[in-house]
């Protein structure tokens, strides 16, 4: 976890947490709220390190406690994330059970629930009951991208801390400074506005494979020297076999970004173009009819919805490229 990026992007949050800790004014339940990529998880672990650090300069990030927290192995720090896009009652019951086992042990305990808005109603009610029964040395950190989806009773029992979105330009600069290709960085920032998450994507071989495949498809659409479906079947086997849906969303999102680029190109708004290297290289071959581009985007978005259900991926991509091929001539 890169706490330097956290401190740079969320200085007000860090100041609030550090001052509250030093003045012994920490509350028992925090709700970290803000868009994706705003370092909320890093802030949660930073606060946990503040609470457990063994050294005078807190958090040192080097002592045994800090290291265990950062490695997610500390016995008194519990981290929960959604299972298959949902936080389930069983997860909260397991958390409550773990807390009951350590109830007789002196010292602080911390739980972090990432994606609290994804708790189903049974899990949400269990969380609410749990918050009502927390002990003096218990601390909870709830993390959300959608405050309105959380039970008002949970919100009312938490101190809400707002995390502000970092500018895309700053994130791109940070990624490029970490040796990420600039065009790849511009794509990544549209998928996650987080430097740490962006670096993970840049180092994810399957993600970069999907990115390279999207570039090949985009060039094929512009040059019209081949058919996108043929290129996909020839070079996209790894994507077609991939069961993890997020990579298909990445691929479809890249196609949406390209179509948006076509609209920006037609308007002469180059600063907003993501795939600028490809556009610059082949701009003499680009033909644009805005109505068709908009229909392309609508159809790709429809495919994104279908991805969320159990669909045959070969048929989905066949439908996509046949229909968009009709539009693009």
Foldseek 3Di string as FASTA:
>chain_A
DDVVVLCVQFVVLVVVLVVCLVVVNDDFEAEEEAAFALCQVVSQLQSVLQFDPPDPPPSPCPDPSNVCSVVVNDLQEAEAEADLQADELVNLVVVVVSCVVCVPPDAAHEYEYEAQLRYDPNNLVSVLVVLVPDDPRHHYYYYHHDVVSHDVSVVVSHHYDYGYQDDLVVLLVLQVVVVQDSLLSLLLCVVGVHNVVSVVLSPDVLNVLLVVLLLVLLLCLLQVPDASLVSCVVRVPVVLPDPPLVSVVSNLVSVLLSLVLLVCVVVVNQVSRRNNVSCVVRVVRGDDDNVLSVVLNVLSVVLSVVSSDDDNSSVSVVVSRVVSVVSSD
